[in-house]
All heavy atoms as atom14 arrays in JSON, in Angstrom:
{
  "sequence": "ALDVLPPATLTIARRLSYFLAEDAKTARAFLKAAGHPRPIQELRI",
  "atom14_mask": [
    [1, 1, 1, 1, 1, 0, 0, 0, 0, 0, 0, 0, 0, 0],
    [1, 1, 1, 1, 1, 1, 1, 1, 0, 0, 0, 0, 0, 0],
    [1, 1, 1, 1, 1, 1, 1, 1, 0, 0, 0, 0, 0, 0],
    [1, 1, 1, 1, 1, 1, 1, 0, 0, 0, 0, 0, 0, 0],
    [1, 1, 1, 1, 1, 1, 1, 1, 0, 0, 0, 0, 0, 0],
    [1, 1, 1, 1, 1, 1, 1, 0, 0, 0, 0, 0, 0, 0],
    [1, 1, 1, 1, 1, 1, 1, 0, 0, 0, 0, 0, 0, 0],
    [1, 1, 1, 1, 1, 0, 0, 0, 0, 0, 0, 0, 0, 0],
    [1, 1, 1, 1, 1, 1, 1, 0, 0, 0, 0, 0, 0, 0],
    [1, 1, 1, 1, 1, 1, 1, 1, 0, 0, 0, 0, 0, 0],
    [1, 1, 1, 1, 1, 1, 1, 0, 0, 0, 0, 0, 0, 0],
    [1, 1, 1, 1, 1, 1, 1, 1, 0, 0, 0, 0, 0, 0],
    [1, 1, 1, 1, 1, 0, 0, 0, 0, 0, 0, 0, 0, 0],
    [1, 1, 1, 1, 1, 1, 1, 1, 1, 1, 1, 0, 0, 0],
    [1, 1, 1, 1, 1, 1, 1, 1, 1, 1, 1, 0, 0, 0],
    [1, 1, 1, 1, 1, 1, 1, 1, 0, 0, 0, 0, 0, 0],
    [1, 1, 1, 1, 1, 1, 0, 0, 0, 0, 0, 0, 0, 0],
    [1, 1, 1, 1, 1, 1, 1, 1, 1, 1, 1, 1, 0, 0],
    [1, 1, 1, 1, 1, 1, 1, 1, 1, 1, 1, 0, 0, 0],
    [1, 1, 1, 1, 1, 1, 1, 1, 0, 0, 0, 0, 0, 0],
    [1, 1, 1, 1, 1, 0, 0, 0, 0, 0, 0, 0, 0, 0],
    [1, 1, 1, 1, 1, 1, 1, 1, 1, 0, 0, 0, 0, 0],
    [1, 1, 1, 1, 1, 1, 1, 1, 0, 0, 0, 0, 0, 0],
    [1, 1, 1, 1, 1, 0, 0, 0, 0, 0, 0, 0, 0, 0],
    [1, 1, 1, 1, 1, 1, 1, 1, 1, 0, 0, 0, 0, 0],
    [1, 1, 1, 1, 1, 1, 1, 0, 0, 0, 0, 0, 0, 0],
    [1, 1, 1, 1, 1, 0, 0, 0, 0, 0, 0, 0, 0, 0],
    [1, 1, 1, 1, 1, 1, 1, 1, 1, 1, 1, 0, 0, 0],
    [1, 1, 1, 1, 1, 0, 0, 0, 0, 0, 0, 0, 0, 0],
    [1, 1, 1, 1, 1, 1, 1, 1, 1, 1, 1, 0, 0, 0],
    [1, 1, 1, 1, 1, 1, 1, 1, 0, 0, 0, 0, 0, 0],
    [1, 1, 1, 1, 1, 1, 1, 1, 1, 0, 0, 0, 0, 0],
    [1, 1, 1, 1, 1, 0, 0, 0, 0, 0, 0, 0, 0, 0],
    [1, 1, 1, 1, 1, 0, 0, 0, 0, 0, 0, 0, 0, 0],
    [1, 1, 1, 1, 0, 0, 0, 0, 0, 0, 0, 0, 0, 0],
    [1, 1, 1, 1, 1, 1, 1, 1, 1, 1, 0, 0, 0, 0],
    [1, 1, 1, 1, 1, 1, 1, 0, 0, 0, 0, 0, 0, 0],
    [1, 1, 1, 1, 1, 1, 1, 1, 1, 1, 1, 0, 0, 0],
    [1, 1, 1, 1, 1, 1, 1, 0, 0, 0, 0, 0, 0, 0],
    [1, 1, 1, 1, 1, 1, 1, 1, 0, 0, 0, 0, 0, 0],
    [1, 1, 1, 1, 1, 1, 1, 1, 1, 0, 0, 0, 0, 0],
    [1, 1, 1, 1, 1, 1, 1, 1, 1, 0, 0, 0, 0, 0],
    [1, 1, 1, 1, 1, 1, 1, 1, 0, 0, 0, 0, 0, 0],
    [1, 1, 1, 1, 1, 1, 1, 1, 1, 1, 1, 0, 0, 0],
    [1, 1, 1, 1, 1, 1, 1, 1, 0, 0, 0, 0, 0, 0]
  ],
  "atom14_positions": [
    [[-3.44, -12.32, -5.44], [-3.99, -11.35, -6.39], [-3.08, -10.15, -6.62], [-2.85, -9.73, -7.75], [-5.37, -10.89, -5.93], [0.0, 0.0, 0.0], [0.0, 0.0, 0.0], [0.0, 0.0, 0.0], [0.0, 0.0, 0.0], [0.0, 0.0, 0.0], [0.0, 0.0, 0.0], [0.0, 0.0, 0.0], [0.0, 0.0, 0.0], [0.0, 0.0, 0.0]],
    [[-2.56, -9.59, -5.56], [-1.74, -8.38, -5.68], [-0.35, -8.68, -6.22], [0.37, -7.78, -6.62], [-1.65, -7.68, -4.32], [-2.99, -7.26, -3.7], [-2.75, -6.5, -2.39], [-3.81, -6.41, -4.66], [0.0, 0.0, 0.0], [0.0, 0.0, 0.0], [0.0, 0.0, 0.0], [0.0, 0.0, 0.0], [0.0, 0.0, 0.0], [0.0, 0.0, 0.0]],
    [[0.03, -9.96, -6.19], [1.36, -10.35, -6.69], [1.35, -10.73, -8.15], [2.3, -10.44, -8.88], [1.89, -11.54, -5.87], [2.09, -11.21, -4.41], [2.57, -10.1, -4.12], [1.78, -12.06, -3.55], [0.0, 0.0, 0.0], [0.0, 0.0, 0.0], [0.0, 0.0, 0.0], [0.0, 0.0, 0.0], [0.0, 0.0, 0.0], [0.0, 0.0, 0.0]],
    [[0.27, -11.38, -8.62], [0.28, -11.92, -9.98], [-0.46, -11.06, -10.99], [-0.31, -11.27, -12.2], [-0.27, -13.36, -10.01], [0.53, -14.27, -9.09], [-1.75, -13.39, -9.63], [0.0, 0.0, 0.0], [0.0, 0.0, 0.0], [0.0, 0.0, 0.0], [0.0, 0.0, 0.0], [0.0, 0.0, 0.0], [0.0, 0.0, 0.0], [0.0, 0.0, 0.0]],
    [[-1.29, -10.14, -10.53], [-2.01, -9.27, -11.46], [-1.33, -7.93, -11.56], [-1.02, -7.3, -10.55], [-3.46, -9.08, -11.0], [-4.33, -10.34, -10.99], [-5.71, -10.03, -10.43], [-4.43, -10.93, -12.39], [0.0, 0.0, 0.0], [0.0, 0.0, 0.0], [0.0, 0.0, 0.0], [0.0, 0.0, 0.0], [0.0, 0.0, 0.0], [0.0, 0.0, 0.0]],
    [[-1.08, -7.45, -12.77], [-0.4, -6.16, -12.94], [-1.29, -5.0, -12.5], [-2.52, -5.12, -12.47], [-0.1, -6.1, -14.44], [-1.06, -7.03, -15.06], [-1.36, -8.1, -14.06], [0.0, 0.0, 0.0], [0.0, 0.0, 0.0], [0.0, 0.0, 0.0], [0.0, 0.0, 0.0], [0.0, 0.0, 0.0], [0.0, 0.0, 0.0], [0.0, 0.0, 0.0]],
    [[-0.68, -3.87, -12.16], [-1.45, -2.71, -11.69], [-2.55, -2.28, -12.65], [-3.64, -1.9, -12.21], [-0.38, -1.62, -11.55], [0.88, -2.38, -11.26], [0.78, -3.63, -12.07], [0.0, 0.0, 0.0], [0.0, 0.0, 0.0], [0.0, 0.0, 0.0], [0.0, 0.0, 0.0], [0.0, 0.0, 0.0], [0.0, 0.0, 0.0], [0.0, 0.0, 0.0]],
    [[-2.31, -2.34, -13.95], [-3.33, -1.9, -14.92], [-4.57, -2.78, -14.85], [-5.7, -2.3, -14.95], [-2.76, -1.92, -16.33], [0.0, 0.0, 0.0], [0.0, 0.0, 0.0], [0.0, 0.0, 0.0], [0.0, 0.0, 0.0], [0.0, 0.0, 0.0], [0.0, 0.0, 0.0], [0.0, 0.0, 0.0], [0.0, 0.0, 0.0], [0.0, 0.0, 0.0]],
    [[-4.38, -4.08, -14.66], [-5.51, -5.0, -14.53], [-6.27, -4.73, -13.25], [-7.51, -4.69, -13.23], [-5.01, -6.46, -14.57], [-4.43, -6.72, -15.86], [-6.15, -7.44, -14.34], [0.0, 0.0, 0.0], [0.0, 0.0, 0.0], [0.0, 0.0, 0.0], [0.0, 0.0, 0.0], [0.0, 0.0, 0.0], [0.0, 0.0, 0.0], [0.0, 0.0, 0.0]],
    [[-5.54, -4.53, -12.15], [-6.19, -4.25, -10.87], [-6.96, -2.92, -10.92], [-8.05, -2.8, -10.35], [-5.14, -4.21, -9.77], [-4.52, -5.56, -9.4], [-3.31, -5.36, -8.5], [-5.55, -6.46, -8.72], [0.0, 0.0, 0.0], [0.0, 0.0, 0.0], [0.0, 0.0, 0.0], [0.0, 0.0, 0.0], [0.0, 0.0, 0.0], [0.0, 0.0, 0.0]],
    [[-6.43, -1.93, -11.61], [-7.09, -0.64, -11.72], [-8.46, -0.78, -12.39], [-9.46, -0.23, -11.93], [-6.22, 0.36, -12.5], [-5.03, 0.61, -11.76], [-6.95, 1.67, -12.72], [0.0, 0.0, 0.0], [0.0, 0.0, 0.0], [0.0, 0.0, 0.0], [0.0, 0.0, 0.0], [0.0, 0.0, 0.0], [0.0, 0.0, 0.0], [0.0, 0.0, 0.0]],
    [[-8.5, -1.56, -13.47], [-9.78, -1.76, -14.16], [-10.74, -2.57, -13.3], [-11.93, -2.26, -13.2], [-9.54, -2.44, -15.52], [-8.8, -1.48, -16.45], [-10.85, -2.9, -16.14], [-8.36, -2.08, -17.76], [0.0, 0.0, 0.0], [0.0, 0.0, 0.0], [0.0, 0.0, 0.0], [0.0, 0.0, 0.0], [0.0, 0.0, 0.0], [0.0, 0.0, 0.0]],
    [[-10.23, -3.62, -12.65], [-11.09, -4.44, -11.79], [-11.73, -3.6, -10.7], [-12.92, -3.79, -10.37], [-10.27, -5.57, -11.18], [0.0, 0.0, 0.0], [0.0, 0.0, 0.0], [0.0, 0.0, 0.0], [0.0, 0.0, 0.0], [0.0, 0.0, 0.0], [0.0, 0.0, 0.0], [0.0, 0.0, 0.0], [0.0, 0.0, 0.0], [0.0, 0.0, 0.0]],
    [[-10.99, -2.65, -10.15], [-11.49, -1.82, -9.05], [-12.46, -0.75, -9.54], [-13.26, -0.24, -8.75], [-10.31, -1.16, -8.33], [-9.42, -2.15, -7.58], [-8.08, -1.55, -7.23], [-7.21, -2.49, -6.53], [-5.91, -2.35, -6.39], [-5.3, -1.3, -6.94], [-5.19, -3.25, -5.73], [0.0, 0.0, 0.0], [0.0, 0.0, 0.0], [0.0, 0.0, 0.0]],
    [[-12.41, -0.43, -10.82], [-13.28, 0.6, -11.38], [-14.67, 0.05, -11.72], [-15.67, 0.77, -11.64], [-12.63, 1.2, -12.63], [-13.51, 2.18, -13.39], [-12.77, 2.87, -14.51], [-12.33, 1.99, -15.56], [-13.11, 1.51, -16.54], [-14.39, 1.84, -16.58], [-12.61, 0.75, -17.48], [0.0, 0.0, 0.0], [0.0, 0.0, 0.0], [0.0, 0.0, 0.0]],
    [[-14.73, -1.2, -12.09], [-15.98, -1.78, -12.58], [-16.94, -2.11, -11.45], [-16.53, -2.33, -10.3], [-15.69, -3.04, -13.39], [-14.78, -2.88, -14.61], [-14.54, -4.23, -15.27], [-15.37, -1.88, -15.59], [0.0, 0.0, 0.0], [0.0, 0.0, 0.0], [0.0, 0.0, 0.0], [0.0, 0.0, 0.0], [0.0, 0.0, 0.0], [0.0, 0.0, 0.0]],
    [[-18.23, -2.15, -11.79], [-19.24, -2.54, -10.8], [-20.17, -3.64, -11.32], [-21.08, -4.05, -10.62], [-20.08, -1.32, -10.41], [-20.72, -0.76, -11.55], [0.0, 0.0, 0.0], [0.0, 0.0, 0.0], [0.0, 0.0, 0.0], [0.0, 0.0, 0.0], [0.0, 0.0, 0.0], [0.0, 0.0, 0.0], [0.0, 0.0, 0.0], [0.0, 0.0, 0.0]],
    [[-19.91, -4.12, -12.56], [-20.76, -5.15, -13.14], [-19.88, -6.29, -13.64], [-18.96, -6.08, -14.44], [-21.58, -4.57, -14.3], [-22.5, -5.55, -14.98], [-23.26, -6.48, -14.25], [-22.63, -5.56, -16.36], [-24.1, -7.38, -14.88], [-23.49, -6.45, -17.01], [-24.21, -7.36, -16.26], [-25.05, -8.25, -16.89], [0.0, 0.0, 0.0], [0.0, 0.0, 0.0]],
    [[-20.15, -7.51, -13.15], [-19.29, -8.65, -13.43], [-20.13, -9.87, -13.81], [-21.2, -10.11, -13.23], [-18.43, -9.0, -12.21], [-17.55, -7.89, -11.74], [-18.03, -6.95, -10.81], [-16.27, -7.73, -12.24], [-17.22, -5.92, -10.38], [-15.47, -6.69, -11.82], [-15.93, -5.77, -10.89], [0.0, 0.0, 0.0], [0.0, 0.0, 0.0], [0.0, 0.0, 0.0]],
    [[-19.64, -10.64, -14.78], [-20.23, -11.91, -15.17], [-19.26, -13.0, -14.76], [-18.13, -13.08, -15.29], [-20.47, -11.95, -16.68], [-21.33, -10.81, -17.24], [-21.39, -10.88, -18.76], [-22.73, -10.84, -16.64], [0.0, 0.0, 0.0], [0.0, 0.0, 0.0], [0.0, 0.0, 0.0], [0.0, 0.0, 0.0], [0.0, 0.0, 0.0], [0.0, 0.0, 0.0]],
    [[-19.65, -13.83, -13.8], [-18.71, -14.77, -13.19], [-19.24, -16.19, -13.24], [-20.45, -16.43, -13.09], [-18.46, -14.38, -11.74], [0.0, 0.0, 0.0], [0.0, 0.0, 0.0], [0.0, 0.0, 0.0], [0.0, 0.0, 0.0], [0.0, 0.0, 0.0], [0.0, 0.0, 0.0], [0.0, 0.0, 0.0], [0.0, 0.0, 0.0], [0.0, 0.0, 0.0]],
    [[-18.33, -17.12, -13.42], [-18.71, -18.53, -13.38], [-19.31, -18.87, -12.02], [-20.31, -19.56, -11.92], [-17.5, -19.41, -13.67], [-17.8, -20.9, -13.63], [-16.6, -21.75, -13.98], [-15.56, -21.19, -14.39], [-16.7, -22.98, -13.83], [0.0, 0.0, 0.0], [0.0, 0.0, 0.0], [0.0, 0.0, 0.0], [0.0, 0.0, 0.0], [0.0, 0.0, 0.0]],
    [[-18.69, -18.35, -10.97], [-19.17, -18.59, -9.61], [-19.15, -17.26, -8.85], [-18.09, -16.65, -8.69], [-18.29, -19.62, -8.9], [-18.76, -19.94, -7.5], [-18.38, -19.21, -6.56], [-19.53, -20.91, -7.33], [0.0, 0.0, 0.0], [0.0, 0.0, 0.0], [0.0, 0.0, 0.0], [0.0, 0.0, 0.0], [0.0, 0.0, 0.0], [0.0, 0.0, 0.0]],
    [[-20.31, -16.8, -8.39], [-20.4, -15.49, -7.75], [-19.6, -15.42, -6.45], [-18.97, -14.41, -6.15], [-21.86, -15.15, -7.49], [0.0, 0.0, 0.0], [0.0, 0.0, 0.0], [0.0, 0.0, 0.0], [0.0, 0.0, 0.0], [0.0, 0.0, 0.0], [0.0, 0.0, 0.0], [0.0, 0.0, 0.0], [0.0, 0.0, 0.0], [0.0, 0.0, 0.0]],
    [[-19.62, -16.49, -5.67], [-18.9, -16.49, -4.39], [-17.4, -16.32, -4.61], [-16.74, -15.53, -3.92], [-19.18, -17.8, -3.64], [-18.5, -17.88, -2.29], [-18.84, -19.18, -1.59], [-18.12, -19.28, -0.23], [-18.43, -20.57, 0.45], [0.0, 0.0, 0.0], [0.0, 0.0, 0.0], [0.0, 0.0, 0.0], [0.0, 0.0, 0.0], [0.0, 0.0, 0.0]],
    [[-16.86, -17.05, -5.58], [-15.44, -16.94, -5.89], [-15.11, -15.54, -6.39], [-14.07, -14.96, -6.03], [-15.04, -17.97, -6.95], [-15.34, -19.28, -6.46], [-13.55, -17.9, -7.26], [0.0, 0.0, 0.0], [0.0, 0.0, 0.0], [0.0, 0.0, 0.0], [0.0, 0.0, 0.0], [0.0, 0.0, 0.0], [0.0, 0.0, 0.0], [0.0, 0.0, 0.0]],
    [[-15.98, -14.98, -7.22], [-15.75, -13.64, -7.75], [-15.74, -12.6, -6.64], [-14.91, -11.69, -6.63], [-16.81, -13.3, -8.79], [0.0, 0.0, 0.0], [0.0, 0.0, 0.0], [0.0, 0.0, 0.0], [0.0, 0.0, 0.0], [0.0, 0.0, 0.0], [0.0, 0.0, 0.0], [0.0, 0.0, 0.0], [0.0, 0.0, 0.0], [0.0, 0.0, 0.0]],
    [[-16.66, -12.73, -5.68], [-16.68, -11.77, -4.56], [-15.39, -11.84, -3.76], [-14.82, -10.8, -3.37], [-17.89, -12.06, -3.67], [-19.23, -11.61, -4.26], [-20.34, -11.64, -3.23], [-20.68, -13.02, -2.84], [-21.63, -13.75, -3.43], [-22.32, -13.24, -4.46], [-21.89, -14.98, -3.03], [0.0, 0.0, 0.0], [0.0, 0.0, 0.0], [0.0, 0.0, 0.0]],
    [[-14.92, -13.05, -3.51], [-13.67, -13.21, -2.75], [-12.5, -12.6, -3.51], [-11.63, -11.95, -2.9], [-13.43, -14.7, -2.48], [0.0, 0.0, 0.0], [0.0, 0.0, 0.0], [0.0, 0.0, 0.0], [0.0, 0.0, 0.0], [0.0, 0.0, 0.0], [0.0, 0.0, 0.0], [0.0, 0.0, 0.0], [0.0, 0.0, 0.0], [0.0, 0.0, 0.0]],
    [[-12.48, -12.8, -4.82], [-11.4, -12.23, -5.62], [-11.42, -10.71, -5.59], [-10.39, -10.05, -5.4], [-11.5, -12.72, -7.06], [-10.79, -11.84, -8.05], [-9.42, -11.65, -7.98], [-11.5, -11.16, -9.02], [-8.77, -10.82, -8.88], [-10.87, -10.33, -9.92], [-9.49, -10.15, -9.85], [0.0, 0.0, 0.0], [0.0, 0.0, 0.0], [0.0, 0.0, 0.0]],
    [[-12.6, -10.12, -5.8], [-12.69, -8.66, -5.84], [-12.33, -8.03, -4.5], [-11.71, -6.96, -4.45], [-14.1, -8.25, -6.27], [-14.43, -8.6, -7.73], [-15.92, -8.45, -7.99], [-13.62, -7.75, -8.69], [0.0, 0.0, 0.0], [0.0, 0.0, 0.0], [0.0, 0.0, 0.0], [0.0, 0.0, 0.0], [0.0, 0.0, 0.0], [0.0, 0.0, 0.0]],
    [[-12.67, -8.7, -3.43], [-12.27, -8.22, -2.11], [-10.75, -8.28, -1.97], [-10.12, -7.31, -1.49], [-12.93, -9.06, -1.03], [-12.61, -8.6, 0.39], [-13.36, -9.42, 1.42], [-13.03, -8.93, 2.84], [-13.77, -9.73, 3.87], [0.0, 0.0, 0.0], [0.0, 0.0, 0.0], [0.0, 0.0, 0.0], [0.0, 0.0, 0.0], [0.0, 0.0, 0.0]],
    [[-10.15, -9.41, -2.38], [-8.69, -9.56, -2.29], [-7.97, -8.58, -3.2], [-6.85, -8.16, -2.91], [-8.3, -10.99, -2.65], [0.0, 0.0, 0.0], [0.0, 0.0, 0.0], [0.0, 0.0, 0.0], [0.0, 0.0, 0.0], [0.0, 0.0, 0.0], [0.0, 0.0, 0.0], [0.0, 0.0, 0.0], [0.0, 0.0, 0.0], [0.0, 0.0, 0.0]],
    [[-8.61, -8.21, -4.32], [-8.01, -7.28, -5.26], [-8.11, -5.82, -4.8], [-7.59, -4.92, -5.45], [-8.65, -7.42, -6.63], [0.0, 0.0, 0.0], [0.0, 0.0, 0.0], [0.0, 0.0, 0.0], [0.0, 0.0, 0.0], [0.0, 0.0, 0.0], [0.0, 0.0, 0.0], [0.0, 0.0, 0.0], [0.0, 0.0, 0.0], [0.0, 0.0, 0.0]],
    [[-8.8, -5.61, -3.68], [-8.89, -4.26, -3.13], [-9.93, -3.39, -3.78], [-9.75, -2.16, -3.88], [0.0, 0.0, 0.0], [0.0, 0.0, 0.0], [0.0, 0.0, 0.0], [0.0, 0.0, 0.0], [0.0, 0.0, 0.0], [0.0, 0.0, 0.0], [0.0, 0.0, 0.0], [0.0, 0.0, 0.0], [0.0, 0.0, 0.0], [0.0, 0.0, 0.0]],
    [[-11.07, -4.0, -4.19], [-12.13, -3.17, -4.78], [-12.61, -2.16, -3.74], [-12.88, -2.52, -2.59], [-13.3, -4.06, -5.22], [-14.17, -3.4, -6.23], [-15.0, -2.33, -5.93], [-14.35, -3.63, -7.57], [-15.65, -1.96, -7.01], [-15.26, -2.72, -8.03], [0.0, 0.0, 0.0], [0.0, 0.0, 0.0], [0.0, 0.0, 0.0], [0.0, 0.0, 0.0]],
    [[-12.7, -0.89, -4.12], [-13.0, 0.15, -3.13], [-14.45, 0.18, -2.65], [-14.74, 0.75, -1.6], [-12.65, 1.44, -3.89], [-12.87, 1.1, -5.33], [-12.45, -0.33, -5.46], [0.0, 0.0, 0.0], [0.0, 0.0, 0.0], [0.0, 0.0, 0.0], [0.0, 0.0, 0.0], [0.0, 0.0, 0.0], [0.0, 0.0, 0.0], [0.0, 0.0, 0.0]],
    [[-15.36, -0.41, -3.4], [-16.77, -0.37, -3.01], [-17.12, -1.59, -2.17], [-16.5, -2.65, -2.3], [-17.66, -0.31, -4.25], [-17.51, 0.97, -5.05], [-18.43, 0.96, -6.25], [-19.83, 0.76, -5.91], [-20.82, 0.69, -6.8], [-20.53, 0.79, -8.1], [-22.06, 0.52, -6.42], [0.0, 0.0, 0.0], [0.0, 0.0, 0.0], [0.0, 0.0, 0.0]],
    [[-18.12, -1.48, -1.31], [-18.59, -2.67, -0.6], [-18.99, -3.75, -1.61], [-19.71, -3.47, -2.58], [-19.81, -2.16, 0.18], [-19.56, -0.69, 0.35], [-18.86, -0.26, -0.91], [0.0, 0.0, 0.0], [0.0, 0.0, 0.0], [0.0, 0.0, 0.0], [0.0, 0.0, 0.0], [0.0, 0.0, 0.0], [0.0, 0.0, 0.0], [0.0, 0.0, 0.0]],
    [[-18.52, -4.96, -1.4], [-18.74, -6.02, -2.37], [-20.22, -6.27, -2.61], [-20.64, -6.57, -3.74], [-18.04, -7.31, -1.9], [-16.52, -7.07, -1.75], [-18.29, -8.45, -2.88], [-15.83, -6.6, -3.0], [0.0, 0.0, 0.0], [0.0, 0.0, 0.0], [0.0, 0.0, 0.0], [0.0, 0.0, 0.0], [0.0, 0.0, 0.0], [0.0, 0.0, 0.0]],
    [[-21.05, -6.09, -1.56], [-22.48, -6.35, -1.72], [-23.16, -5.33, -2.63], [-24.28, -5.56, -3.11], [-23.19, -6.4, -0.36], [-23.13, -5.1, 0.43], [-21.91, -5.03, 1.34], [-20.91, -5.69, 1.09], [-22.03, -4.26, 2.41], [0.0, 0.0, 0.0], [0.0, 0.0, 0.0], [0.0, 0.0, 0.0], [0.0, 0.0, 0.0], [0.0, 0.0, 0.0]],
    [[-22.5, -4.21, -2.91], [-23.06, -3.21, -3.81], [-22.76, -3.5, -5.29], [-23.35, -2.87, -6.17], [-22.53, -1.82, -3.46], [-23.02, -1.31, -2.1], [-22.53, 0.1, -1.82], [-21.88, 0.7, -2.73], [-22.78, 0.61, -0.71], [0.0, 0.0, 0.0], [0.0, 0.0, 0.0], [0.0, 0.0, 0.0], [0.0, 0.0, 0.0], [0.0, 0.0, 0.0]],
    [[-21.85, -4.42, -5.54], [-21.5, -4.75, -6.91], [-22.54, -5.69, -7.51], [-23.13, -6.51, -6.81], [-20.12, -5.41, -6.95], [-18.97, -4.62, -6.33], [-17.68, -5.42, -6.4], [-18.8, -3.27, -7.01], [0.0, 0.0, 0.0], [0.0, 0.0, 0.0], [0.0, 0.0, 0.0], [0.0, 0.0, 0.0], [0.0, 0.0, 0.0], [0.0, 0.0, 0.0]],
    [[-22.74, -5.58, -8.8], [-23.63, -6.5, -9.49], [-22.81, -7.64, -10.06], [-21.99, -7.44, -10.97], [-24.41, -5.8, -10.59], [-25.42, -6.73, -11.27], [-26.17, -6.05, -12.4], [-27.1, -6.98, -13.04], [-27.75, -6.73, -14.17], [-27.56, -5.56, -14.79], [-28.55, -7.63, -14.7], [0.0, 0.0, 0.0], [0.0, 0.0, 0.0], [0.0, 0.0, 0.0]],
    [[-22.99, -8.83, -9.53], [-22.25, -10.01, -9.97], [-23.26, -11.05, -10.43], [-24.04, -11.58, -9.63], [-21.37, -10.58, -8.85], [-20.37, -9.52, -8.38], [-20.64, -11.83, -9.33], [-19.53, -9.94, -7.19], [0.0, 0.0, 0.0], [0.0, 0.0, 0.0], [0.0, 0.0, 0.0], [0.0, 0.0, 0.0], [0.0, 0.0, 0.0], [0.0, 0.0, 0.0]]
  ]
}
C-alpha cells in the first residue's frame, strides 16, 4: 500500500471515515495497512 499508492491518495484515504467496499474485511485490512489514524472499528464500512 505505501509503495504503490501516491501520498495524495493516502492522505484522502486517511481523512475519510465512510467507505463503500465490495468486501468489508478486505477494506479494513487495506485501511490499516494504509495507516489510517483512527481505530478501524470506528470507521463506517
